[in-house]
Amino acid sequence: MSNIYVKLPDGVGVEMCKGEFTAYELISDLRDVPKHLMAIKVNKELHSLHYRFKRDCECKFVTYFEPEGKRIYSRSLIFVFLMAVHQIDSEIQVNIGNKVGQHFNIKFVNTEIDQKLIDKIKEKMKKIIEAAYIIRKEKVSFADIKEIYELMESKEQLNNFRIKLRQDYAIYKCNGYYNYLYGRLVPDTSCIKGFDVRLYKSGILLMLPREDDIYVVDERIDTNKMFDVFETNFQKLNKITGINYVYEVNEKVLNNEISEIIRISEAEMEKRLVNLADKVVDKKVIMISGPSSSGKTTFSQKLQLYLKASGKNPKVISMDMYFKNAVDSPVDENGKKDFESINHFDTEFFKQQISDLLLGKEVCIPTYNFKLNGGEREFFDKNKIKLEKDDILIFEGIHALNPIVSDFIEKEIVYKIYIYPMVTLGYDSYTKFSSSDLRLIRRIIRDYYERDVKVETTIKNWNLVKRGEKRNIFPYVELADEIFNTYQIYEIGVLKGYIENLLLMVNEDSDYYSEARRILALLENFRVIQADDIPSISLICEFIHKGCFSKN
């Protein structure tokens, strides 16, 4: 058997026979291996630690403290939780919803939840973790996976597998328990360290560790308002469309019924927008915030349109116009300019202009030239405005909910709106499509077509964008008067048609190859939906270069 050479992260090289060892077996004999390994990258492609070396390669360890590692940990914790519930009572039906803050919201469909049951689940999970059971991915035929899922009474998982044009299918096995959670898992159950299970409203929170300490549970339980809005939206969209799962969208596509779903979904969002416009019609200042690719630009202009239809004269102003000149901007802990910090926003100048406008004075709204000296404010006479009786100021930007920015305005005349695409669609009862992944997909497409930004650059910057959101946006969500969901139930199938080729352009030698492949794997479960039936006024058009609204 021919030999291969495996180069490890510390520069040590190991020669072995082809297929002789897995990464899991190899690292057990090594010193100075990083703690809390979740996976391994082999020639920049992410693999389970059960990967068996087959060719010359260069490796990189993936730990809990990296974004990819945290995803694997979260997914594996769910696997252990489901395994524990199955061992306690295989008849219990579990539904894992979107996160509450950093934690998973879980409901039992056919069982009452009490503290006694939670204690049993936690104890069973601890025993599974202590046993260090191996978690292996197995390749099986469709007949095999059909039998497994029928025993589990998991119709939605089985129907997702039906559309995959494969000869074999992957599923995870651990001490006689089977499941598949649409992504890689840890090599054995002992990799799970910190977790907790607690009562939360009518369900359970499966709690994750802190980002900087795998043993300590993150005690923050925030965004209760987001949770309530998601619950309402989920129930409403399910009732209107009858769609909970990916396979149900795919069935609409295959049966040529997706056009009606598009029209219903668009009409539902328009109705919510009209109702919102009625709420704010007597306000003088509207503050709109949301993270990257939530649709702030189109949302603001659509709201402006409906307010005009009510006889008002709304003026949309991007809060980016109030950024400080780049030369005066703050730096982060690494000495780099932090353009998303609240300290990059000229709060005092903003307050002065708004105060003057509310007093009836004329002001000149600045224009921010991002290309001038790295970013600099400019003033033009054409941007002079003065508030009249029916005028409304609409400000949109990442800092719009920050009390430093807006608390000086009388509460009676200001209305704060937070927008976010809260995905209600699940692959199955255990795995929801991530709202963060949806925003990344939206951003990749928009950056490439509208801003001539390479896919790799968008992926590279994404973690920095998310870090800024955690610091500057998410802490203030509860201060919003309204939370508006900008997700459309059909949109992932549409976006797939725009992003697939872009992701395939990421070469194997790219540092972002693994992430591009991860997104492709997620989209494999969706049928492509043509954009022909999407109205040009749709918020989704902001991301597929098809809309009628201007793009800031």
Protein backbone atom coordinates (compact mmCIF):
# COMPACT_ATOMS: atom_id res chain seq x y z
CA MET A 1 0.00 0.00 0.00
CA SER A 2 1.44 3.44 -0.96
CA ASN A 3 2.54 5.91 1.70
CA ILE A 4 1.19 9.43 2.14
CA TYR A 5 2.50 12.47 4.01
CA VAL A 6 0.27 14.41 6.41
CA LYS A 7 1.49 17.83 7.52
CA LEU A 8 0.01 18.96 10.86
CA PRO A 9 -0.55 22.54 12.08
CA ASP A 10 2.57 22.63 14.28
CA GLY A 11 4.75 21.79 11.30
CA VAL A 12 5.17 18.15 12.28
CA GLY A 13 4.82 15.73 9.40
CA VAL A 14 3.56 12.16 9.69
CA GLU A 15 4.14 9.47 7.11
CA MET A 16 1.63 6.65 7.01
CA CYS A 17 0.01 4.14 4.73
CA LYS A 18 -2.90 5.45 2.70
CA GLY A 19 -6.12 5.00 4.70
CA GLU A 20 -4.24 3.71 7.77
CA PHE A 21 -5.37 6.33 10.30
CA THR A 22 -8.20 8.73 10.95
CA ALA A 23 -7.52 12.20 12.31
CA TYR A 24 -9.17 11.06 15.57
CA GLU A 25 -6.72 8.16 15.89
CA LEU A 26 -3.73 10.26 14.88
CA ILE A 27 -4.21 13.06 17.41
CA SER A 28 -4.60 10.60 20.30
CA ASP A 29 -0.85 9.91 20.00
CA LEU A 30 0.24 13.54 19.62
CA ARG A 31 1.39 16.04 22.23
CA ASP A 32 0.46 19.70 22.32
CA VAL A 33 -2.85 19.23 20.51
CA PRO A 34 -5.21 22.22 21.04
CA LYS A 35 -8.01 21.65 23.52
CA HIS A 36 -11.62 21.21 22.49
CA LEU A 37 -11.12 20.05 18.91
CA MET A 38 -14.35 19.95 16.94
CA ALA A 39 -13.11 19.05 13.43
CA ILE A 40 -10.17 19.22 11.06
CA LYS A 41 -9.51 21.01 7.79
CA VAL A 42 -7.73 18.88 5.21
CA ASN A 43 -6.35 20.99 2.37
CA LYS A 44 -8.81 23.72 3.52
CA GLU A 45 -11.85 21.45 3.34
CA LEU A 46 -13.70 20.83 6.60
CA HIS A 47 -13.96 17.21 7.76
CA SER A 48 -15.02 15.27 10.81
CA LEU A 49 -12.18 14.04 13.02
CA HIS A 50 -13.15 10.58 11.78
CA TYR A 51 -11.76 11.53 8.38
CA ARG A 52 -9.39 8.82 7.14
CA PHE A 53 -6.29 10.21 5.43
CA LYS A 54 -6.12 9.09 1.80
CA ARG A 55 -3.60 11.45 0.17
CA ASP A 56 -0.81 13.92 0.88
CA CYS A 57 -2.33 16.87 2.69
CA GLU A 58 -1.88 19.85 4.96
CA CYS A 59 -4.14 20.05 8.00
CA LYS A 60 -5.55 22.66 10.37
CA PHE A 61 -7.36 21.89 13.60
CA VAL A 62 -10.76 23.51 14.21
CA THR A 63 -11.54 24.22 17.87
CA TYR A 64 -14.63 25.33 19.74
CA PHE A 65 -13.36 28.90 19.74
CA GLU A 66 -13.83 29.36 15.98
CA PRO A 67 -17.18 30.00 14.23
CA GLU A 68 -17.07 26.62 12.45
CA GLY A 69 -16.28 24.90 15.75
CA LYS A 70 -19.19 26.57 17.54
CA ARG A 71 -21.60 25.43 14.83
CA ILE A 72 -20.39 21.85 15.21
CA TYR A 73 -20.67 22.05 19.01
CA SER A 74 -24.23 23.43 18.84
CA ARG A 75 -25.32 20.75 16.39
CA SER A 76 -23.68 18.01 18.48
CA LEU A 77 -25.33 19.25 21.67
CA ILE A 78 -28.71 18.94 19.94
CA PHE A 79 -27.76 15.40 18.87
CA VAL A 80 -26.96 14.43 22.49
CA PHE A 81 -30.18 16.08 23.70
CA LEU A 82 -32.29 14.17 21.15
CA MET A 83 -30.47 10.93 21.98
CA ALA A 84 -31.23 11.45 25.69
CA VAL A 85 -34.92 12.17 25.04
CA HIS A 86 -35.13 9.10 22.79
CA GLN A 87 -33.66 6.89 25.53
CA ILE A 88 -36.10 8.27 28.11
CA ASP A 89 -39.17 7.89 25.89
CA SER A 90 -38.92 7.20 22.16
CA GLU A 91 -42.52 8.39 21.70
CA ILE A 92 -41.76 12.01 22.65
CA GLN A 93 -41.96 14.31 19.62
CA VAL A 94 -39.45 17.14 19.73
CA ASN A 95 -39.62 20.45 17.85
CA ILE A 96 -36.52 22.67 17.95
CA GLY A 97 -37.28 26.25 16.98
CA ASN A 98 -35.12 29.29 16.36
CA LYS A 99 -32.75 30.48 19.04
CA VAL A 100 -33.64 32.69 21.98
CA GLY A 101 -30.49 34.78 22.13
CA GLN A 102 -27.74 32.15 21.94
CA HIS A 103 -29.86 29.24 23.13
CA PHE A 104 -32.20 26.73 21.45
CA ASN A 105 -35.93 26.99 22.03
CA ILE A 106 -37.45 23.49 22.23
CA LYS A 107 -41.01 22.25 22.56
CA PHE A 108 -42.46 18.78 23.07
CA VAL A 109 -45.48 18.22 20.85
CA ASN A 110 -47.11 15.34 22.71
CA THR A 111 -45.70 15.53 26.27
CA GLU A 112 -46.15 17.87 29.21
CA ILE A 113 -42.91 19.56 30.24
CA ASP A 114 -42.07 19.89 33.93
CA GLN A 115 -38.94 20.19 36.06
CA LYS A 116 -38.93 16.46 36.80
CA LEU A 117 -38.67 15.62 33.08
CA ILE A 118 -35.99 18.28 32.57
CA ASP A 119 -33.93 16.81 35.41
CA LYS A 120 -34.19 13.35 33.83
CA ILE A 121 -33.04 14.71 30.45
CA LYS A 122 -30.05 16.50 32.00
CA GLU A 123 -29.00 13.41 33.93
CA LYS A 124 -29.31 11.21 30.84
CA MET A 125 -27.29 13.72 28.77
CA LYS A 126 -24.52 13.73 31.40
CA LYS A 127 -24.34 9.93 31.29
CA ILE A 128 -24.15 9.94 27.48
CA ILE A 129 -21.36 12.55 27.61
CA GLU A 130 -19.41 10.65 30.29
CA ALA A 131 -19.66 7.45 28.26
CA ALA A 132 -17.74 9.10 25.38
CA TYR A 133 -19.76 7.25 22.75
CA ILE A 134 -18.30 7.47 19.26
CA ILE A 135 -20.43 9.41 16.74
CA ARG A 136 -19.87 8.10 13.23
CA LYS A 137 -21.33 9.05 9.89
CA GLU A 138 -22.56 6.05 7.92
CA LYS A 139 -23.39 5.73 4.24
CA VAL A 140 -26.68 3.92 3.68
CA SER A 141 -29.06 3.24 0.82
CA PHE A 142 -32.37 5.05 0.41
CA ALA A 143 -34.16 1.86 1.52
CA ASP A 144 -32.12 1.87 4.73
CA ILE A 145 -32.68 5.53 5.51
CA LYS A 146 -36.38 5.15 4.69
CA GLU A 147 -36.64 2.38 7.27
CA ILE A 148 -34.77 4.44 9.90
CA TYR A 149 -36.93 7.52 9.44
CA GLU A 150 -40.17 5.55 9.34
CA LEU A 151 -39.25 4.02 12.71
CA MET A 152 -38.51 7.54 13.99
CA GLU A 153 -41.79 8.80 12.45
CA SER A 154 -39.82 11.62 10.82
CA LYS A 155 -41.71 12.23 7.59
CA GLU A 156 -40.12 15.61 6.92
CA GLN A 157 -36.56 14.25 7.09
CA LEU A 158 -37.43 11.42 4.74
CA ASN A 159 -39.12 13.75 2.26
CA ASN A 160 -36.03 15.99 2.20
CA PHE A 161 -33.90 13.00 1.25
CA ARG A 162 -36.27 12.05 -1.58
CA ILE A 163 -35.17 15.00 -3.75
CA LYS A 164 -31.45 14.23 -3.45
CA LEU A 165 -30.20 12.51 -6.58
CA ARG A 166 -27.79 10.10 -4.88
CA GLN A 167 -27.04 6.41 -4.71
CA ASP A 168 -26.28 6.57 -1.00
CA TYR A 169 -27.11 8.83 1.92
CA ALA A 170 -25.36 9.91 5.11
CA ILE A 171 -26.68 9.50 8.63
CA TYR A 172 -25.07 9.64 12.07
CA LYS A 173 -25.02 6.66 14.41
CA CYS A 174 -24.17 6.73 18.12
CA ASN A 175 -24.63 3.71 20.41
CA GLY A 176 -27.60 2.47 18.39
CA TYR A 177 -29.20 5.91 17.96
CA TYR A 178 -29.57 7.40 14.45
CA ASN A 179 -30.14 10.96 13.29
CA TYR A 180 -28.95 13.47 10.71
CA LEU A 181 -28.59 17.15 11.54
CA TYR A 182 -27.39 18.60 8.21
CA GLY A 183 -23.77 19.14 9.13
CA ARG A 184 -20.72 17.70 10.85
CA LEU A 185 -20.72 16.51 14.47
CA VAL A 186 -18.01 16.05 17.09
CA PRO A 187 -16.15 12.69 17.06
CA ASP A 188 -17.53 11.50 20.39
CA THR A 189 -20.00 12.62 23.04
CA SER A 190 -17.28 13.57 25.57
CA CYS A 191 -16.54 16.66 23.44
CA ILE A 192 -19.66 18.24 24.93
CA LYS A 193 -18.73 20.22 28.02
CA GLY A 194 -20.89 23.12 29.16
CA PHE A 195 -24.68 23.01 28.69
CA ASP A 196 -27.91 23.38 30.60
CA VAL A 197 -31.59 22.53 30.13
CA ARG A 198 -34.16 24.91 31.65
CA LEU A 199 -37.85 25.65 31.54
CA TYR A 200 -38.67 28.61 29.32
CA LYS A 201 -42.23 29.85 28.80
CA SER A 202 -44.15 26.89 27.36
CA GLY A 203 -41.02 24.94 26.41
CA ILE A 204 -37.35 24.35 27.13
CA LEU A 205 -34.11 26.21 26.58
CA LEU A 206 -31.14 24.06 25.61
CA MET A 207 -28.37 26.39 26.73
CA LEU A 208 -24.93 26.72 25.15
CA PRO A 209 -21.60 27.68 26.72
CA ARG A 210 -20.04 31.10 26.58
CA GLU A 211 -18.05 31.95 23.49
CA ASP A 212 -14.82 32.19 25.49
CA ASP A 213 -15.33 29.27 27.90
CA ILE A 214 -16.67 25.89 26.79
CA TYR A 215 -17.33 24.80 30.39
CA VAL A 216 -19.42 27.80 31.52
CA VAL A 217 -23.01 28.20 30.35
CA ASP A 218 -23.89 31.57 28.86
CA GLU A 219 -26.48 32.88 31.33
CA ARG A 220 -27.81 35.59 29.02
CA ILE A 221 -31.41 35.01 28.00
CA ASP A 222 -32.34 38.01 25.90
CA THR A 223 -34.42 39.08 22.89
CA ASN A 224 -37.70 37.95 24.46
CA LYS A 225 -39.50 40.36 22.14
CA MET A 226 -37.82 38.69 19.14
CA PHE A 227 -38.97 35.30 20.42
CA ASP A 228 -42.58 36.46 20.72
CA VAL A 229 -42.56 37.96 17.22
CA PHE A 230 -41.08 34.77 15.78
CA GLU A 231 -43.73 32.64 17.48
CA THR A 232 -46.50 34.85 16.09
CA ASN A 233 -44.99 34.93 12.58
CA PHE A 234 -44.39 31.19 12.54
CA GLN A 235 -47.96 30.37 13.47
CA LYS A 236 -49.38 32.93 11.06
CA LEU A 237 -47.28 31.87 8.04
CA ASN A 238 -47.99 28.22 8.76
CA LYS A 239 -51.72 28.89 8.86
CA ILE A 240 -51.66 31.00 5.67
CA THR A 241 -49.35 28.85 3.52
CA GLY A 242 -49.48 25.44 5.20
CA ILE A 243 -45.67 25.34 4.99
CA ASN A 244 -43.38 24.34 7.85
CA TYR A 245 -40.60 22.43 6.14
CA VAL A 246 -38.28 22.62 3.15
CA TYR A 247 -39.85 19.62 1.45
CA GLU A 248 -43.24 21.38 1.46
CA VAL A 249 -41.78 24.32 -0.48
CA ASN A 250 -40.17 21.85 -2.88
CA GLU A 251 -43.51 20.15 -3.42
CA LYS A 252 -45.05 23.50 -4.37
CA VAL A 253 -42.26 23.98 -6.91
CA LEU A 254 -42.60 20.50 -8.38
CA ASN A 255 -46.40 20.85 -8.61
CA ASN A 256 -46.18 24.32 -10.24
CA GLU A 257 -47.92 25.90 -7.25
CA ILE A 258 -45.09 28.15 -6.04
CA SER A 259 -46.40 31.26 -7.86
CA GLU A 260 -49.41 31.40 -5.57
CA ILE A 261 -47.17 30.99 -2.50
CA ILE A 262 -45.07 33.94 -3.73
CA ARG A 263 -48.17 36.09 -4.16
CA ILE A 264 -49.57 35.12 -0.75
CA SER A 265 -46.23 35.69 0.98
CA GLU A 266 -45.80 39.10 -0.65
CA ALA A 267 -49.36 40.14 0.16
CA GLU A 268 -48.91 39.13 3.80
CA MET A 269 -45.81 41.31 4.13
CA GLU A 270 -47.48 44.24 2.36
CA LYS A 271 -50.43 43.99 4.74
CA ARG A 272 -48.06 44.16 7.73
CA LEU A 273 -46.35 47.19 6.19
CA VAL A 274 -49.64 48.99 5.63
CA ASN A 275 -50.66 48.33 9.24
CA LEU A 276 -47.30 49.61 10.43
CA ALA A 277 -47.64 52.77 8.34
CA ASP A 278 -51.01 53.41 10.01
CA LYS A 279 -49.34 53.13 13.43
CA VAL A 280 -46.62 55.67 12.68
CA VAL A 281 -48.55 58.14 10.55
CA ASP A 282 -48.70 60.73 13.37
CA LYS A 283 -45.04 60.42 14.40
CA LYS A 284 -42.37 62.96 13.44
CA VAL A 285 -39.31 60.69 13.72
CA ILE A 286 -39.03 57.01 12.78
CA MET A 287 -35.84 55.13 13.64
CA ILE A 288 -35.18 51.89 11.70
CA SER A 289 -32.40 49.49 12.65
CA GLY A 290 -31.43 45.99 11.67
CA PRO A 291 -28.30 43.92 11.01
CA SER A 292 -26.58 43.55 7.65
CA SER A 293 -28.79 42.31 4.81
CA SER A 294 -32.02 42.59 6.76
CA GLY A 295 -33.44 44.85 4.05
CA LYS A 296 -33.25 48.29 5.72
CA THR A 297 -32.86 50.20 2.46
CA THR A 298 -35.94 48.78 0.72
CA PHE A 299 -37.99 48.61 3.91
CA SER A 300 -37.43 52.33 4.58
CA GLN A 301 -38.46 53.29 1.06
CA LYS A 302 -41.53 51.05 1.13
CA LEU A 303 -42.61 52.56 4.43
CA GLN A 304 -42.03 55.98 2.89
CA LEU A 305 -44.30 55.01 0.00
CA TYR A 306 -47.19 53.95 2.25
CA LEU A 307 -46.86 57.08 4.36
CA LYS A 308 -47.05 59.16 1.18
CA ALA A 309 -50.24 57.30 0.33
CA SER A 310 -51.58 58.54 3.69
CA GLY A 311 -50.88 62.14 2.73
CA LYS A 312 -47.59 62.50 4.59
CA ASN A 313 -44.23 63.70 3.26
CA PRO A 314 -41.63 61.32 4.72
CA LYS A 315 -37.91 61.93 4.15
CA VAL A 316 -35.61 58.87 4.31
CA ILE A 317 -32.12 59.64 5.61
CA SER A 318 -29.34 57.08 5.99
CA MET A 319 -27.60 57.44 9.33
CA ASP A 320 -24.35 56.61 7.51
CA MET A 321 -24.41 60.29 6.50
CA TYR A 322 -23.53 61.14 10.10
CA PHE A 323 -20.37 59.06 10.30
CA LYS A 324 -17.30 60.94 11.41
CA ASN A 325 -14.56 61.56 8.88
CA ALA A 326 -12.37 58.47 8.65
CA VAL A 327 -9.38 60.36 10.02
CA ASP A 328 -11.32 60.97 13.26
CA SER A 329 -12.76 57.45 13.57
CA PRO A 330 -11.94 55.21 16.55
CA VAL A 331 -9.74 52.10 16.41
CA ASP A 332 -10.52 48.65 17.81
CA GLU A 333 -8.44 46.50 20.13
CA ASN A 334 -6.25 45.50 17.18
CA GLY A 335 -5.51 49.08 16.20
CA LYS A 336 -7.76 48.96 13.11
CA LYS A 337 -10.41 51.54 12.28
CA ASP A 338 -13.73 50.43 13.74
CA PHE A 339 -16.30 51.88 11.36
CA GLU A 340 -19.21 50.08 13.05
CA SER A 341 -18.55 51.47 16.53
CA ILE A 342 -21.02 53.97 17.99
CA ASN A 343 -17.96 56.20 18.43
CA HIS A 344 -17.67 56.39 14.62
CA PHE A 345 -21.12 58.00 14.63
CA ASP A 346 -21.14 61.76 15.23
CA THR A 347 -23.81 61.67 17.91
CA GLU A 348 -23.60 65.32 18.93
CA PHE A 349 -23.87 66.60 15.36
CA PHE A 350 -26.82 64.25 14.71
CA LYS A 351 -28.61 65.44 17.86
CA GLN A 352 -28.05 69.07 16.94
CA GLN A 353 -29.50 68.66 13.45
CA ILE A 354 -32.55 66.73 14.65
CA SER A 355 -33.20 69.24 17.43
CA ASP A 356 -32.96 72.12 14.96
CA LEU A 357 -35.32 70.38 12.53
CA LEU A 358 -37.89 69.73 15.25
CA LEU A 359 -37.70 73.42 16.19
CA GLY A 360 -38.55 74.37 12.60
CA LYS A 361 -35.06 75.42 11.56
CA GLU A 362 -33.48 74.65 8.19
CA VAL A 363 -30.46 72.30 8.17
CA CYS A 364 -28.19 70.84 5.53
CA ILE A 365 -28.15 67.04 5.70
CA PRO A 366 -24.60 65.79 5.06
CA THR A 367 -23.59 63.38 2.30
CA TYR A 368 -20.95 60.83 3.27
CA ASN A 369 -18.42 60.20 0.52
CA PHE A 370 -16.92 56.79 1.31
CA LYS A 371 -14.29 57.21 -1.42
CA LEU A 372 -12.96 60.58 -0.23
CA ASN A 373 -9.93 60.13 2.06
CA GLY A 374 -11.29 56.83 3.30
CA GLY A 375 -14.62 58.44 4.18
CA GLU A 376 -15.55 62.09 4.61
CA ARG A 377 -18.69 64.24 5.03
CA GLU A 378 -19.68 66.70 2.33
CA PHE A 379 -22.42 69.37 2.28
CA PHE A 380 -24.52 70.43 -0.70
CA ASP A 381 -27.22 73.10 -0.89
CA LYS A 382 -29.61 70.64 -2.53
CA ASN A 383 -29.69 68.66 0.74
CA LYS A 384 -31.07 71.54 2.82
CA ILE A 385 -34.39 70.65 4.44
CA LYS A 386 -36.91 72.17 6.82
CA LEU A 387 -39.70 70.20 8.48
CA GLU A 388 -43.23 71.15 7.40
CA LYS A 389 -46.49 70.07 9.00
CA ASP A 390 -46.83 66.73 7.17
CA ASP A 391 -43.12 65.88 7.06
CA ILE A 392 -41.77 62.79 8.79
CA LEU A 393 -38.08 61.97 9.28
CA ILE A 394 -37.17 58.33 8.64
CA PHE A 395 -33.66 57.40 9.77
CA GLU A 396 -32.22 54.00 8.97
CA GLY A 397 -28.94 52.63 10.26
CA ILE A 398 -27.28 50.16 12.60
CA HIS A 399 -27.28 52.60 15.55
CA ALA A 400 -30.89 53.74 15.24
CA LEU A 401 -32.02 51.93 18.43
CA ASN A 402 -29.08 52.99 20.56
CA PRO A 403 -30.46 55.23 23.34
CA ILE A 404 -27.41 57.49 23.02
CA VAL A 405 -28.66 58.42 19.55
CA SER A 406 -32.38 58.89 20.05
CA ASP A 407 -33.36 59.21 23.72
CA PHE A 408 -33.23 63.01 23.55
CA ILE A 409 -36.33 62.98 21.31
CA GLU A 410 -39.75 63.18 23.01
CA LYS A 411 -41.17 59.65 23.22
CA GLU A 412 -44.56 60.76 21.90
CA ILE A 413 -43.16 61.74 18.51
CA VAL A 414 -40.62 58.95 17.85
CA TYR A 415 -41.19 55.32 16.81
CA LYS A 416 -38.42 52.70 16.80
CA ILE A 417 -38.48 49.73 14.42
CA TYR A 418 -36.16 46.72 14.32
CA ILE A 419 -36.19 44.60 11.17
CA TYR A 420 -34.71 41.14 10.80
CA PRO A 421 -35.29 38.10 8.53
CA MET A 422 -36.50 35.48 11.01
CA VAL A 423 -36.55 32.22 9.06
CA THR A 424 -39.55 30.06 9.90
CA LEU A 425 -38.60 27.20 7.58
CA GLY A 426 -37.12 23.97 8.92
CA TYR A 427 -35.41 21.04 7.25
CA ASP A 428 -37.23 18.96 9.84
CA SER A 429 -38.40 19.24 13.45
CA TYR A 430 -34.81 19.48 14.68
CA THR A 431 -33.04 21.77 12.23
CA LYS A 432 -34.15 25.23 11.15
CA PHE A 433 -32.48 27.14 8.35
CA SER A 434 -30.30 29.72 10.06
CA SER A 435 -31.34 33.38 9.81
CA SER A 436 -27.65 34.30 9.91
CA ASP A 437 -26.96 32.04 6.92
CA LEU A 438 -29.86 33.64 5.04
CA ARG A 439 -28.39 37.09 5.63
CA LEU A 440 -24.95 35.90 4.50
CA ILE A 441 -26.45 34.50 1.29
CA ARG A 442 -28.33 37.77 0.66
CA ARG A 443 -25.13 39.73 1.24
CA ILE A 444 -22.92 37.57 -1.00
CA ILE A 445 -25.32 38.03 -3.93
CA ARG A 446 -25.79 41.77 -3.39
CA ASP A 447 -22.07 42.42 -2.82
CA TYR A 448 -21.12 40.56 -5.98
CA TYR A 449 -23.68 42.06 -8.36
CA GLU A 450 -24.16 45.54 -6.88
CA ARG A 451 -20.77 46.33 -5.34
CA ASP A 452 -18.38 44.18 -7.38
CA VAL A 453 -17.13 42.44 -4.22
CA LYS A 454 -15.71 38.93 -4.49
CA VAL A 455 -17.44 36.07 -2.68
CA GLU A 456 -14.29 35.35 -0.67
CA THR A 457 -14.16 38.94 0.56
CA THR A 458 -17.76 38.88 1.77
CA ILE A 459 -17.21 35.58 3.61
CA LYS A 460 -13.96 36.87 5.07
CA ASN A 461 -15.66 39.98 6.48
CA TRP A 462 -18.78 38.21 7.74
CA ASN A 463 -17.48 37.35 11.22
CA LEU A 464 -16.37 40.97 11.71
CA VAL A 465 -19.84 42.12 10.62
CA LYS A 466 -21.47 39.76 13.12
CA ARG A 467 -19.12 40.91 15.87
CA GLY A 468 -20.18 44.50 15.22
CA GLU A 469 -23.86 43.50 15.31
CA LYS A 470 -23.46 41.84 18.70
CA ARG A 471 -21.89 45.01 20.08
CA ASN A 472 -23.94 47.70 18.36
CA ILE A 473 -27.35 46.32 17.39
CA PHE A 474 -28.54 43.24 19.30
CA PRO A 475 -28.24 44.77 22.81
CA TYR A 476 -30.93 47.33 21.90
CA VAL A 477 -33.54 45.13 20.20
CA GLU A 478 -35.80 45.16 23.27
CA LEU A 479 -36.03 48.97 22.99
CA ALA A 480 -37.88 48.73 19.66
CA ASP A 481 -41.55 49.63 19.51
CA GLU A 482 -41.98 47.16 16.65
CA ILE A 483 -40.06 44.14 15.33
CA PHE A 484 -40.71 43.42 11.67
CA ASN A 485 -39.83 40.10 10.02
CA THR A 486 -38.42 40.65 6.51
CA TYR A 487 -38.15 36.96 5.56
CA GLN A 488 -40.19 35.49 2.72
CA ILE A 489 -41.02 31.81 2.94
CA TYR A 490 -40.11 31.16 -0.70
CA GLU A 491 -36.91 33.25 -0.92
CA ILE A 492 -34.20 30.64 -0.26
CA GLY A 493 -35.14 28.77 -3.43
CA VAL A 494 -34.89 32.04 -5.37
CA LEU A 495 -31.54 32.99 -3.85
CA LYS A 496 -30.16 29.54 -4.65
CA GLY A 497 -30.46 30.30 -8.36
CA TYR A 498 -28.32 33.45 -7.92
CA ILE A 499 -25.66 32.18 -5.53
CA GLU A 500 -24.88 28.62 -6.60
CA ASN A 501 -22.51 29.55 -9.42
CA LEU A 502 -20.87 32.23 -7.26
CA LEU A 503 -20.03 29.68 -4.58
CA LEU A 504 -18.73 27.22 -7.14
CA MET A 505 -16.27 29.90 -8.25
CA VAL A 506 -14.44 29.62 -4.90
CA ASN A 507 -11.39 27.48 -5.63
CA GLU A 508 -10.09 24.57 -3.57
CA ASP A 509 -6.99 26.51 -2.49
CA SER A 510 -9.07 29.36 -1.03
CA ASP A 511 -9.24 29.81 2.74
CA TYR A 512 -13.00 30.19 2.26
CA TYR A 513 -13.55 27.05 0.19
CA SER A 514 -14.92 25.12 3.17
CA GLU A 515 -17.45 27.83 4.00
CA ALA A 516 -18.59 28.08 0.37
CA ARG A 517 -19.10 24.30 0.31
CA ARG A 518 -21.04 24.42 3.58
CA ILE A 519 -23.53 26.89 2.12
CA LEU A 520 -23.81 24.84 -1.07
CA ALA A 521 -24.61 21.77 1.03
CA LEU A 522 -27.39 23.67 2.83
CA LEU A 523 -28.90 24.78 -0.48
CA GLU A 524 -28.76 21.27 -1.93
CA ASN A 525 -32.03 20.61 -0.11
CA PHE A 526 -33.92 23.29 -2.08
CA ARG A 527 -35.35 23.30 -5.57
CA VAL A 528 -34.57 26.46 -7.55
CA ILE A 529 -37.43 28.98 -7.77
CA GLN A 530 -37.50 31.41 -10.69
CA ALA A 531 -37.82 35.11 -9.86
CA ASP A 532 -40.32 35.83 -12.66
CA ASP A 533 -43.33 36.10 -10.35
CA ILE A 534 -41.67 38.33 -7.76
CA PRO A 535 -43.00 41.92 -7.97
CA SER A 536 -40.34 44.61 -8.43
CA ILE A 537 -41.55 46.26 -5.22
CA SER A 538 -40.60 43.17 -3.20
CA LEU A 539 -38.00 43.55 -0.46
CA ILE A 540 -36.21 40.46 -1.84
CA CYS A 541 -35.40 42.40 -5.01
CA GLU A 542 -32.87 44.45 -3.03
CA PHE A 543 -30.66 41.35 -3.10
CA ILE A 544 -31.20 40.04 -6.63
CA HIS A 545 -30.63 43.30 -8.60
CA LYS A 546 -34.24 43.33 -9.79
CA GLY A 547 -36.01 45.94 -7.67
CA CYS A 548 -37.48 49.35 -8.39
CA PHE A 549 -36.12 51.13 -5.30
CA SER A 550 -32.83 53.02 -5.19
CA LYS A 551 -29.91 51.39 -3.39
CA ASN A 552 -27.88 53.52 -1.02
